[in-house]
Amino acid sequence: MVDRREKLQQLLDGELDPSEIISDPTLASLAERIYGMDIKAILAEKGIEMPSGDNTSKPSTSLIEVVPSSNLPPPAPLGNLPALEQTTATSRNTLFILLGVLALSIALLNLVMGLGELYNPCTTDWCADNSKLIWLAPHQLSQDGGWGSVGAAGIPDYAMIGGGLILTLLGLRKKA
């Protein structure tokens, strides 16, 4: 491994003997690629004999793979493809506005009046007095833990109001 590195460094520095270059097919290929010259032709001009085809050196471990030509026909043209439907910015903006206003109105309705006034599957006395839906406990709708007192805002209420405002503002902004 070190010998190959030393030979490569000598090739790059221009210190490698031409007979050594031609004796190693990997070095000859690299020299042709690096310097852009036909090494065999240059050696023939200088009178240096090229070794015969009975080369006993190691086979090339070049990373470039030569792919033989193929008899496959070229790919057929795709023809007329249907054009993709372009979504307009106005439809997306309208969707953002509608979702934002819906989230905002549901959050404010729950905070001011309580969603339990519209739908309350809980039948206990606690649920009759406390009709605000607790956003973090929707799995407890039929129990006391899913309902709280109207007017007492918490972090989930603020998050719902903020999310509704953000969606609405994203829908209202104009794109350049």
N, C-alpha and C. Protein backbone atom coordinates (compact mmCIF):
# COMPACT_ATOMS: atom_id res chain seq x y z
N MET A 1 0.84 -1.20 0.00
CA MET A 1 0.00 0.00 0.00
C MET A 1 0.87 1.25 0.00
N VAL A 2 1.94 1.23 0.83
CA VAL A 2 2.81 2.39 0.90
C VAL A 2 3.55 2.55 -0.42
N ASP A 3 3.95 1.41 -1.04
CA ASP A 3 4.65 1.45 -2.31
C ASP A 3 3.79 2.11 -3.39
N ARG A 4 2.50 1.80 -3.42
CA ARG A 4 1.59 2.41 -4.39
C ARG A 4 1.45 3.91 -4.15
N ARG A 5 1.38 4.28 -2.88
CA ARG A 5 1.28 5.72 -2.56
C ARG A 5 2.55 6.46 -2.98
N GLU A 6 3.70 5.83 -2.73
CA GLU A 6 4.96 6.47 -3.12
C GLU A 6 5.04 6.63 -4.63
N LYS A 7 4.60 5.58 -5.36
CA LYS A 7 4.63 5.65 -6.82
C LYS A 7 3.67 6.73 -7.32
N LEU A 8 2.50 6.83 -6.71
CA LEU A 8 1.54 7.86 -7.11
C LEU A 8 2.12 9.25 -6.85
N GLN A 9 2.77 9.42 -5.70
CA GLN A 9 3.37 10.72 -5.39
C GLN A 9 4.49 11.05 -6.37
N GLN A 10 5.30 10.03 -6.73
CA GLN A 10 6.36 10.26 -7.71
C GLN A 10 5.76 10.61 -9.07
N LEU A 11 4.64 9.95 -9.43
CA LEU A 11 3.98 10.27 -10.70
C LEU A 11 3.50 11.72 -10.71
N LEU A 12 2.90 12.15 -9.61
CA LEU A 12 2.40 13.52 -9.54
C LEU A 12 3.54 14.53 -9.53
N ASP A 13 4.66 14.15 -8.92
CA ASP A 13 5.81 15.07 -8.88
C ASP A 13 6.61 15.05 -10.18
N GLY A 14 6.36 14.06 -11.06
CA GLY A 14 7.09 13.96 -12.31
C GLY A 14 8.43 13.28 -12.16
N GLU A 15 8.63 12.53 -11.10
CA GLU A 15 9.90 11.88 -10.82
C GLU A 15 9.91 10.41 -11.20
N LEU A 16 8.81 9.88 -11.69
CA LEU A 16 8.70 8.45 -11.97
C LEU A 16 9.26 8.16 -13.37
N ASP A 17 10.04 7.10 -13.47
CA ASP A 17 10.64 6.68 -14.73
C ASP A 17 9.55 6.21 -15.70
N PRO A 18 9.60 6.59 -16.96
CA PRO A 18 8.57 6.19 -17.92
C PRO A 18 8.40 4.68 -18.03
N SER A 19 9.46 3.93 -17.86
CA SER A 19 9.34 2.47 -17.96
C SER A 19 8.52 1.92 -16.80
N GLU A 20 8.59 2.55 -15.66
CA GLU A 20 7.76 2.13 -14.52
C GLU A 20 6.30 2.48 -14.77
N ILE A 21 6.07 3.60 -15.43
CA ILE A 21 4.69 4.00 -15.72
C ILE A 21 4.04 3.01 -16.66
N ILE A 22 4.76 2.62 -17.70
CA ILE A 22 4.16 1.73 -18.69
C ILE A 22 4.03 0.31 -18.16
N SER A 23 4.85 -0.05 -17.18
CA SER A 23 4.77 -1.42 -16.65
C SER A 23 3.56 -1.61 -15.72
N ASP A 24 3.04 -0.52 -15.20
CA ASP A 24 1.86 -0.61 -14.31
C ASP A 24 0.66 0.02 -15.02
N PRO A 25 -0.34 -0.79 -15.38
CA PRO A 25 -1.48 -0.23 -16.13
C PRO A 25 -2.26 0.82 -15.36
N THR A 26 -2.29 0.72 -14.04
CA THR A 26 -3.00 1.71 -13.24
C THR A 26 -2.28 3.05 -13.31
N LEU A 27 -0.94 3.02 -13.17
CA LEU A 27 -0.18 4.27 -13.27
C LEU A 27 -0.26 4.86 -14.68
N ALA A 28 -0.24 4.00 -15.69
CA ALA A 28 -0.34 4.49 -17.07
C ALA A 28 -1.69 5.16 -17.29
N SER A 29 -2.75 4.54 -16.78
CA SER A 29 -4.08 5.11 -16.94
C SER A 29 -4.18 6.44 -16.20
N LEU A 30 -3.63 6.50 -14.99
CA LEU A 30 -3.66 7.76 -14.23
C LEU A 30 -2.85 8.84 -14.94
N ALA A 31 -1.69 8.46 -15.48
CA ALA A 31 -0.86 9.45 -16.17
C ALA A 31 -1.58 9.99 -17.39
N GLU A 32 -2.29 9.11 -18.11
CA GLU A 32 -3.03 9.58 -19.27
C GLU A 32 -4.15 10.52 -18.87
N ARG A 33 -4.81 10.22 -17.76
CA ARG A 33 -5.92 11.06 -17.30
C ARG A 33 -5.43 12.39 -16.72
N ILE A 34 -4.34 12.32 -15.97
CA ILE A 34 -3.85 13.53 -15.30
C ILE A 34 -3.23 14.49 -16.31
N TYR A 35 -2.34 13.95 -17.17
CA TYR A 35 -1.59 14.82 -18.07
C TYR A 35 -2.23 14.94 -19.44
N GLY A 36 -3.25 14.13 -19.73
CA GLY A 36 -3.97 14.23 -20.99
C GLY A 36 -3.17 13.83 -22.21
N MET A 37 -2.16 12.98 -22.03
CA MET A 37 -1.34 12.56 -23.16
C MET A 37 -1.42 11.04 -23.29
N ASP A 38 -1.19 10.57 -24.50
CA ASP A 38 -1.14 9.13 -24.73
C ASP A 38 0.26 8.65 -24.36
N ILE A 39 0.36 7.93 -23.26
CA ILE A 39 1.65 7.52 -22.74
C ILE A 39 2.34 6.57 -23.70
N LYS A 40 1.60 5.68 -24.32
CA LYS A 40 2.20 4.70 -25.24
C LYS A 40 2.83 5.42 -26.43
N ALA A 41 2.17 6.45 -26.93
CA ALA A 41 2.72 7.18 -28.08
C ALA A 41 3.97 7.95 -27.69
N ILE A 42 3.98 8.54 -26.52
CA ILE A 42 5.15 9.30 -26.07
C ILE A 42 6.34 8.37 -25.86
N LEU A 43 6.09 7.20 -25.28
CA LEU A 43 7.18 6.25 -25.06
C LEU A 43 7.72 5.72 -26.39
N ALA A 44 6.82 5.55 -27.36
CA ALA A 44 7.28 5.08 -28.68
C ALA A 44 8.15 6.14 -29.34
N GLU A 45 7.83 7.43 -29.15
CA GLU A 45 8.65 8.50 -29.72
C GLU A 45 10.03 8.53 -29.09
N LYS A 46 10.10 8.23 -27.79
CA LYS A 46 11.39 8.27 -27.08
C LYS A 46 12.20 7.00 -27.31
N GLY A 47 11.59 6.03 -27.95
CA GLY A 47 12.32 4.79 -28.24
C GLY A 47 12.27 3.79 -27.10
N ILE A 48 11.40 4.00 -26.14
CA ILE A 48 11.29 3.05 -25.03
C ILE A 48 10.33 1.96 -25.46
N GLU A 49 10.79 0.72 -25.28
CA GLU A 49 9.96 -0.39 -25.67
C GLU A 49 8.83 -0.60 -24.67
N MET A 50 7.67 -0.87 -25.20
CA MET A 50 6.53 -1.18 -24.34
C MET A 50 6.53 -2.67 -24.08
N PRO A 51 6.19 -3.07 -22.88
CA PRO A 51 6.16 -4.51 -22.60
C PRO A 51 5.05 -5.17 -23.40
N SER A 52 5.25 -6.46 -23.65
CA SER A 52 4.26 -7.19 -24.43
C SER A 52 2.99 -7.37 -23.64
N GLY A 53 1.99 -7.95 -24.25
CA GLY A 53 0.69 -8.13 -23.61
C GLY A 53 0.75 -9.11 -22.45
N ASP A 54 1.88 -9.82 -22.26
CA ASP A 54 2.01 -10.79 -21.16
C ASP A 54 2.41 -10.06 -19.89
N ASN A 55 1.71 -9.09 -19.50
CA ASN A 55 2.04 -8.28 -18.33
C ASN A 55 1.72 -9.07 -17.07
N THR A 56 2.70 -9.20 -16.19
CA THR A 56 2.51 -9.98 -14.97
C THR A 56 2.16 -9.09 -13.78
N SER A 57 1.95 -7.82 -14.02
CA SER A 57 1.60 -6.94 -12.90
C SER A 57 0.17 -7.20 -12.46
N LYS A 58 -0.14 -6.65 -11.31
CA LYS A 58 -1.48 -6.82 -10.74
C LYS A 58 -2.51 -6.18 -11.66
N PRO A 59 -3.71 -6.75 -11.72
CA PRO A 59 -4.75 -6.12 -12.53
C PRO A 59 -5.15 -4.77 -11.94
N SER A 60 -5.65 -3.93 -12.76
CA SER A 60 -6.04 -2.58 -12.34
C SER A 60 -7.22 -2.63 -11.37
N THR A 61 -7.12 -1.85 -10.32
CA THR A 61 -8.22 -1.73 -9.36
C THR A 61 -8.84 -0.35 -9.48
N SER A 62 -8.93 0.10 -10.71
CA SER A 62 -9.47 1.42 -10.96
C SER A 62 -10.93 1.48 -10.53
N LEU A 63 -11.36 2.63 -10.03
CA LEU A 63 -12.73 2.80 -9.58
C LEU A 63 -13.67 3.14 -10.73
N ILE A 64 -13.12 3.32 -11.93
CA ILE A 64 -13.96 3.65 -13.06
C ILE A 64 -14.32 2.36 -13.77
N GLU A 65 -15.60 2.13 -13.91
CA GLU A 65 -16.09 0.92 -14.55
C GLU A 65 -16.45 1.23 -15.99
N VAL A 66 -15.95 0.42 -16.89
CA VAL A 66 -16.27 0.57 -18.29
C VAL A 66 -17.50 -0.27 -18.57
N VAL A 67 -18.56 0.38 -19.01
CA VAL A 67 -19.81 -0.30 -19.29
C VAL A 67 -19.87 -0.57 -20.79
N PRO A 68 -20.04 -1.83 -21.17
CA PRO A 68 -20.11 -2.11 -22.61
C PRO A 68 -21.38 -1.52 -23.21
N SER A 69 -21.30 -1.29 -24.52
CA SER A 69 -22.47 -0.71 -25.18
C SER A 69 -23.62 -1.71 -25.14
N SER A 70 -24.80 -1.20 -25.17
CA SER A 70 -26.00 -2.02 -25.03
C SER A 70 -26.79 -2.01 -26.33
N ASN A 71 -27.51 -3.09 -26.56
CA ASN A 71 -28.36 -3.18 -27.74
C ASN A 71 -29.79 -2.76 -27.45
N LEU A 72 -30.02 -2.19 -26.28
CA LEU A 72 -31.37 -1.78 -25.92
C LEU A 72 -31.78 -0.56 -26.75
N PRO A 73 -33.05 -0.51 -27.13
CA PRO A 73 -33.51 0.68 -27.87
C PRO A 73 -33.58 1.88 -26.94
N PRO A 74 -33.49 3.07 -27.49
CA PRO A 74 -33.60 4.26 -26.62
C PRO A 74 -34.99 4.33 -26.01
N PRO A 75 -35.13 4.98 -24.89
CA PRO A 75 -36.44 5.06 -24.25
C PRO A 75 -37.44 5.81 -25.14
N ALA A 76 -38.68 5.35 -25.08
CA ALA A 76 -39.73 5.96 -25.89
C ALA A 76 -40.12 7.31 -25.30
N PRO A 77 -40.56 8.24 -26.14
CA PRO A 77 -40.99 9.54 -25.60
C PRO A 77 -42.23 9.36 -24.73
N LEU A 78 -42.36 10.23 -23.77
CA LEU A 78 -43.46 10.13 -22.82
C LEU A 78 -44.80 10.53 -23.42
N GLY A 79 -44.78 11.27 -24.47
CA GLY A 79 -46.04 11.70 -25.08
C GLY A 79 -46.61 12.90 -24.34
N ASN A 80 -47.90 13.08 -24.50
CA ASN A 80 -48.57 14.21 -23.86
C ASN A 80 -49.02 13.81 -22.46
N LEU A 81 -48.39 14.36 -21.48
CA LEU A 81 -48.78 14.12 -20.11
C LEU A 81 -49.78 15.19 -19.69
N PRO A 82 -50.76 14.82 -18.89
CA PRO A 82 -51.71 15.84 -18.43
C PRO A 82 -51.01 16.85 -17.53
N ALA A 83 -51.39 18.07 -17.68
CA ALA A 83 -50.79 19.14 -16.87
C ALA A 83 -51.28 19.03 -15.44
N LEU A 84 -50.38 19.32 -14.52
CA LEU A 84 -50.74 19.30 -13.11
C LEU A 84 -51.61 20.50 -12.78
N GLU A 85 -52.58 20.28 -11.95
CA GLU A 85 -53.42 21.39 -11.54
C GLU A 85 -52.66 22.24 -10.53
N GLN A 86 -52.57 23.50 -10.82
CA GLN A 86 -51.88 24.41 -9.94
C GLN A 86 -52.84 24.93 -8.89
N THR A 87 -52.43 24.80 -7.63
CA THR A 87 -53.26 25.38 -6.57
C THR A 87 -52.94 26.86 -6.50
N THR A 88 -53.95 27.63 -6.48
CA THR A 88 -53.73 29.07 -6.43
C THR A 88 -53.52 29.51 -5.00
N ALA A 89 -52.85 30.62 -4.86
CA ALA A 89 -52.59 31.15 -3.53
C ALA A 89 -53.88 31.59 -2.86
N THR A 90 -54.87 31.98 -3.64
CA THR A 90 -56.12 32.45 -3.03
C THR A 90 -56.86 31.30 -2.36
N SER A 91 -56.83 30.10 -2.95
CA SER A 91 -57.53 28.98 -2.31
C SER A 91 -56.84 28.59 -1.01
N ARG A 92 -55.50 28.63 -1.01
CA ARG A 92 -54.77 28.31 0.21
C ARG A 92 -55.00 29.39 1.27
N ASN A 93 -54.99 30.64 0.84
CA ASN A 93 -55.23 31.73 1.78
C ASN A 93 -56.63 31.63 2.38
N THR A 94 -57.60 31.29 1.55
CA THR A 94 -58.97 31.15 2.04
C THR A 94 -59.07 30.03 3.06
N LEU A 95 -58.37 28.93 2.80
CA LEU A 95 -58.37 27.80 3.74
C LEU A 95 -57.75 28.22 5.07
N PHE A 96 -56.63 28.93 5.02
CA PHE A 96 -56.00 29.40 6.26
C PHE A 96 -56.94 30.33 7.03
N ILE A 97 -57.58 31.23 6.31
CA ILE A 97 -58.48 32.17 6.98
C ILE A 97 -59.64 31.43 7.64
N LEU A 98 -60.24 30.50 6.90
CA LEU A 98 -61.38 29.74 7.46
C LEU A 98 -60.97 28.91 8.67
N LEU A 99 -59.85 28.21 8.58
CA LEU A 99 -59.40 27.40 9.72
C LEU A 99 -59.04 28.28 10.91
N GLY A 100 -58.39 29.39 10.64
CA GLY A 100 -58.01 30.29 11.72
C GLY A 100 -59.21 30.89 12.43
N VAL A 101 -60.19 31.35 11.66
CA VAL A 101 -61.40 31.94 12.25
C VAL A 101 -62.19 30.88 13.02
N LEU A 102 -62.25 29.66 12.48
CA LEU A 102 -62.95 28.57 13.16
C LEU A 102 -62.28 28.23 14.49
N ALA A 103 -60.95 28.08 14.49
CA ALA A 103 -60.24 27.77 15.73
C ALA A 103 -60.38 28.91 16.74
N LEU A 104 -60.28 30.12 16.27
CA LEU A 104 -60.40 31.29 17.15
C LEU A 104 -61.80 31.38 17.75
N SER A 105 -62.82 31.17 16.93
CA SER A 105 -64.19 31.28 17.45
C SER A 105 -64.52 30.14 18.42
N ILE A 106 -64.04 28.94 18.14
CA ILE A 106 -64.29 27.82 19.07
C ILE A 106 -63.58 28.07 20.39
N ALA A 107 -62.34 28.56 20.35
CA ALA A 107 -61.59 28.81 21.58
C ALA A 107 -62.26 29.92 22.39
N LEU A 108 -62.68 31.01 21.73
CA LEU A 108 -63.32 32.10 22.46
C LEU A 108 -64.70 31.70 22.98
N LEU A 109 -65.45 30.92 22.20
CA LEU A 109 -66.75 30.44 22.66
C LEU A 109 -66.58 29.55 23.90
N ASN A 110 -65.58 28.70 23.89
CA ASN A 110 -65.33 27.83 25.04
C ASN A 110 -64.93 28.65 26.26
N LEU A 111 -64.16 29.71 26.06
CA LEU A 111 -63.69 30.52 27.18
C LEU A 111 -64.80 31.39 27.76
N VAL A 112 -65.66 31.92 26.91
CA VAL A 112 -66.69 32.85 27.38
C VAL A 112 -67.96 32.13 27.82
N MET A 113 -68.46 31.22 26.99
CA MET A 113 -69.72 30.57 27.28
C MET A 113 -69.54 29.12 27.72
N GLY A 114 -68.57 28.45 27.17
CA GLY A 114 -68.33 27.04 27.47
C GLY A 114 -68.97 26.15 26.43
N LEU A 115 -68.21 25.22 25.89
CA LEU A 115 -68.75 24.30 24.89
C LEU A 115 -69.72 23.31 25.51
N GLY A 116 -69.72 23.20 26.84
CA GLY A 116 -70.66 22.33 27.53
C GLY A 116 -72.09 22.80 27.41
N GLU A 117 -72.29 24.06 27.07
CA GLU A 117 -73.64 24.56 26.86
C GLU A 117 -74.22 23.99 25.57
N LEU A 118 -73.35 23.68 24.60
CA LEU A 118 -73.81 23.13 23.33
C LEU A 118 -73.85 21.60 23.36
N TYR A 119 -72.84 20.99 23.97
CA TYR A 119 -72.77 19.54 24.03
C TYR A 119 -72.04 19.14 25.30
N ASN A 120 -72.72 18.42 26.18
CA ASN A 120 -72.11 17.98 27.43
C ASN A 120 -72.62 16.59 27.77
N PRO A 121 -71.83 15.55 27.47
CA PRO A 121 -72.28 14.19 27.77
C PRO A 121 -72.16 13.81 29.25
N CYS A 122 -71.54 14.66 30.03
CA CYS A 122 -71.36 14.37 31.46
C CYS A 122 -72.67 14.68 32.21
N THR A 123 -73.05 13.82 33.12
CA THR A 123 -74.34 13.97 33.83
C THR A 123 -74.17 14.30 35.30
N THR A 124 -72.97 14.54 35.78
CA THR A 124 -72.79 14.83 37.21
C THR A 124 -73.09 16.30 37.49
N ASP A 125 -73.20 16.61 38.77
CA ASP A 125 -73.46 18.00 39.18
C ASP A 125 -72.28 18.92 38.82
N TRP A 126 -71.08 18.40 38.91
CA TRP A 126 -69.89 19.19 38.56
C TRP A 126 -69.98 19.68 37.12
N CYS A 127 -70.37 18.79 36.22
CA CYS A 127 -70.45 19.12 34.80
C CYS A 127 -71.58 20.11 34.52
N ALA A 128 -72.62 20.08 35.30
CA ALA A 128 -73.73 21.01 35.10
C ALA A 128 -73.30 22.43 35.44
N ASP A 129 -72.41 22.59 36.44
CA ASP A 129 -71.95 23.92 36.85
C ASP A 129 -70.74 24.39 36.05
N ASN A 130 -69.94 23.50 35.54
CA ASN A 130 -68.70 23.84 34.83
C ASN A 130 -68.81 23.33 33.39
N SER A 131 -69.00 24.25 32.48
CA SER A 131 -69.26 23.84 31.10
C SER A 131 -68.12 24.16 30.13
N LYS A 132 -66.94 24.58 30.63
CA LYS A 132 -65.81 24.87 29.73
C LYS A 132 -65.03 23.57 29.49
N LEU A 133 -64.79 23.26 28.22
CA LEU A 133 -64.05 22.06 27.85
C LEU A 133 -62.57 22.27 28.18
N ILE A 134 -61.97 21.28 28.85
CA ILE A 134 -60.54 21.30 29.12
C ILE A 134 -59.87 20.67 27.89
N TRP A 135 -59.06 21.46 27.16
CA TRP A 135 -58.49 21.01 25.89
C TRP A 135 -57.55 19.83 26.06
N LEU A 136 -56.89 19.71 27.20
CA LEU A 136 -55.95 18.62 27.42
C LEU A 136 -56.62 17.35 27.94
N ALA A 137 -57.92 17.36 28.13
CA ALA A 137 -58.62 16.18 28.63
C ALA A 137 -59.85 15.85 27.80
N PRO A 138 -59.71 15.76 26.47
CA PRO A 138 -60.90 15.43 25.67
C PRO A 138 -61.33 13.99 25.85
N HIS A 139 -60.45 13.14 26.38
CA HIS A 139 -60.80 11.75 26.62
C HIS A 139 -61.69 11.58 27.86
N GLN A 140 -61.87 12.66 28.62
CA GLN A 140 -62.69 12.59 29.83
C GLN A 140 -63.98 13.40 29.69
N LEU A 141 -64.56 13.43 28.52
CA LEU A 141 -65.76 14.22 28.29
C LEU A 141 -66.94 13.74 29.15
N SER A 142 -67.00 12.47 29.40
CA SER A 142 -68.14 11.95 30.19
C SER A 142 -67.83 11.91 31.68
N GLN A 143 -66.69 12.47 32.09
CA GLN A 143 -66.31 12.50 33.50
C GLN A 143 -66.07 13.94 33.94
N ASP A 144 -65.85 14.11 35.22
CA ASP A 144 -65.64 15.46 35.77
C ASP A 144 -64.35 16.10 35.29
N GLY A 145 -63.30 15.30 35.00
CA GLY A 145 -61.99 15.84 34.65
C GLY A 145 -61.95 16.53 33.31
N GLY A 146 -62.94 16.37 32.48
CA GLY A 146 -62.93 16.98 31.16
C GLY A 146 -63.54 18.36 31.11
N TRP A 147 -64.08 18.86 32.25
CA TRP A 147 -64.79 20.13 32.25
C TRP A 147 -64.27 21.03 33.35
N GLY A 148 -64.25 22.33 33.09
CA GLY A 148 -63.79 23.31 34.08
C GLY A 148 -64.71 24.51 34.11
N SER A 149 -64.34 25.47 34.98
CA SER A 149 -65.20 26.65 35.13
C SER A 149 -64.99 27.64 33.98
N VAL A 150 -66.08 28.24 33.55
CA VAL A 150 -66.07 29.19 32.45
C VAL A 150 -65.32 30.45 32.88
N GLY A 151 -64.49 31.00 31.99
CA GLY A 151 -63.78 32.24 32.26
C GLY A 151 -62.37 32.02 32.78
N ALA A 152 -62.04 30.84 33.24
CA ALA A 152 -60.69 30.56 33.73
C ALA A 152 -59.85 30.05 32.57
N ALA A 153 -59.01 30.93 32.04
CA ALA A 153 -58.19 30.57 30.88
C ALA A 153 -56.90 29.90 31.34
N GLY A 154 -56.46 28.94 30.56
CA GLY A 154 -55.20 28.25 30.82
C GLY A 154 -54.30 28.31 29.59
N ILE A 155 -53.16 27.68 29.71
CA ILE A 155 -52.20 27.70 28.60
C ILE A 155 -52.79 27.10 27.33
N PRO A 156 -53.52 25.98 27.38
CA PRO A 156 -54.11 25.46 26.14
C PRO A 156 -55.11 26.43 25.49
N ASP A 157 -55.83 27.19 26.31
CA ASP A 157 -56.75 28.18 25.75
C ASP A 157 -55.99 29.27 25.01
N TYR A 158 -54.91 29.75 25.63
CA TYR A 158 -54.09 30.78 24.98
C TYR A 158 -53.44 30.23 23.70
N ALA A 159 -53.02 28.97 23.73
CA ALA A 159 -52.42 28.37 22.55
C ALA A 159 -53.43 28.25 21.42
N MET A 160 -54.65 27.88 21.74
CA MET A 160 -55.69 27.75 20.72
C MET A 160 -56.03 29.12 20.12
N ILE A 161 -56.13 30.13 20.97
CA ILE A 161 -56.41 31.48 20.47
C ILE A 161 -55.25 31.98 19.62
N GLY A 162 -54.02 31.77 20.10
CA GLY A 162 -52.85 32.19 19.33
C GLY A 162 -52.73 31.46 18.00
N GLY A 163 -53.00 30.15 18.00
CA GLY A 163 -52.96 29.39 16.74
C GLY A 163 -54.00 29.87 15.75
N GLY A 164 -55.21 30.17 16.25
CA GLY A 164 -56.25 30.70 15.37
C GLY A 164 -55.87 32.04 14.79
N LEU A 165 -55.27 32.90 15.61
CA LEU A 165 -54.82 34.20 15.11
C LEU A 165 -53.72 34.07 14.08
N ILE A 166 -52.78 33.18 14.34
CA ILE A 166 -51.67 32.99 13.40
C ILE A 166 -52.18 32.47 12.06
N LEU A 167 -53.07 31.49 12.09
CA LEU A 167 -53.63 30.96 10.84
C LEU A 167 -54.38 32.05 10.07
N THR A 168 -55.15 32.84 10.80
CA THR A 168 -55.90 33.91 10.14
C THR A 168 -54.96 34.94 9.53
N LEU A 169 -53.93 35.32 10.25
CA LEU A 169 -52.98 36.31 9.72
C LEU A 169 -52.18 35.75 8.55
N LEU A 170 -51.85 34.46 8.58
CA LEU A 170 -51.17 33.85 7.44
C LEU A 170 -52.05 33.87 6.20
N GLY A 171 -53.34 33.68 6.39
CA GLY A 171 -54.25 33.73 5.25
C GLY A 171 -54.44 35.14 4.73
N LEU A 172 -54.32 36.14 5.59
CA LEU A 172 -54.54 37.53 5.17
C LEU A 172 -53.31 38.19 4.57
N ARG A 173 -52.13 37.62 4.79
CA ARG A 173 -50.93 38.28 4.28
C ARG A 173 -50.85 38.17 2.77
N LYS A 174 -50.23 39.16 2.17
CA LYS A 174 -50.10 39.18 0.72
C LYS A 174 -48.71 38.69 0.37
N LYS A 175 -48.65 37.86 -0.65
CA LYS A 175 -47.34 37.39 -1.12
C LYS A 175 -46.86 38.30 -2.23
N ALA A 176 -45.55 38.42 -2.30
CA ALA A 176 -44.96 39.27 -3.34
C ALA A 176 -45.00 38.63 -4.68
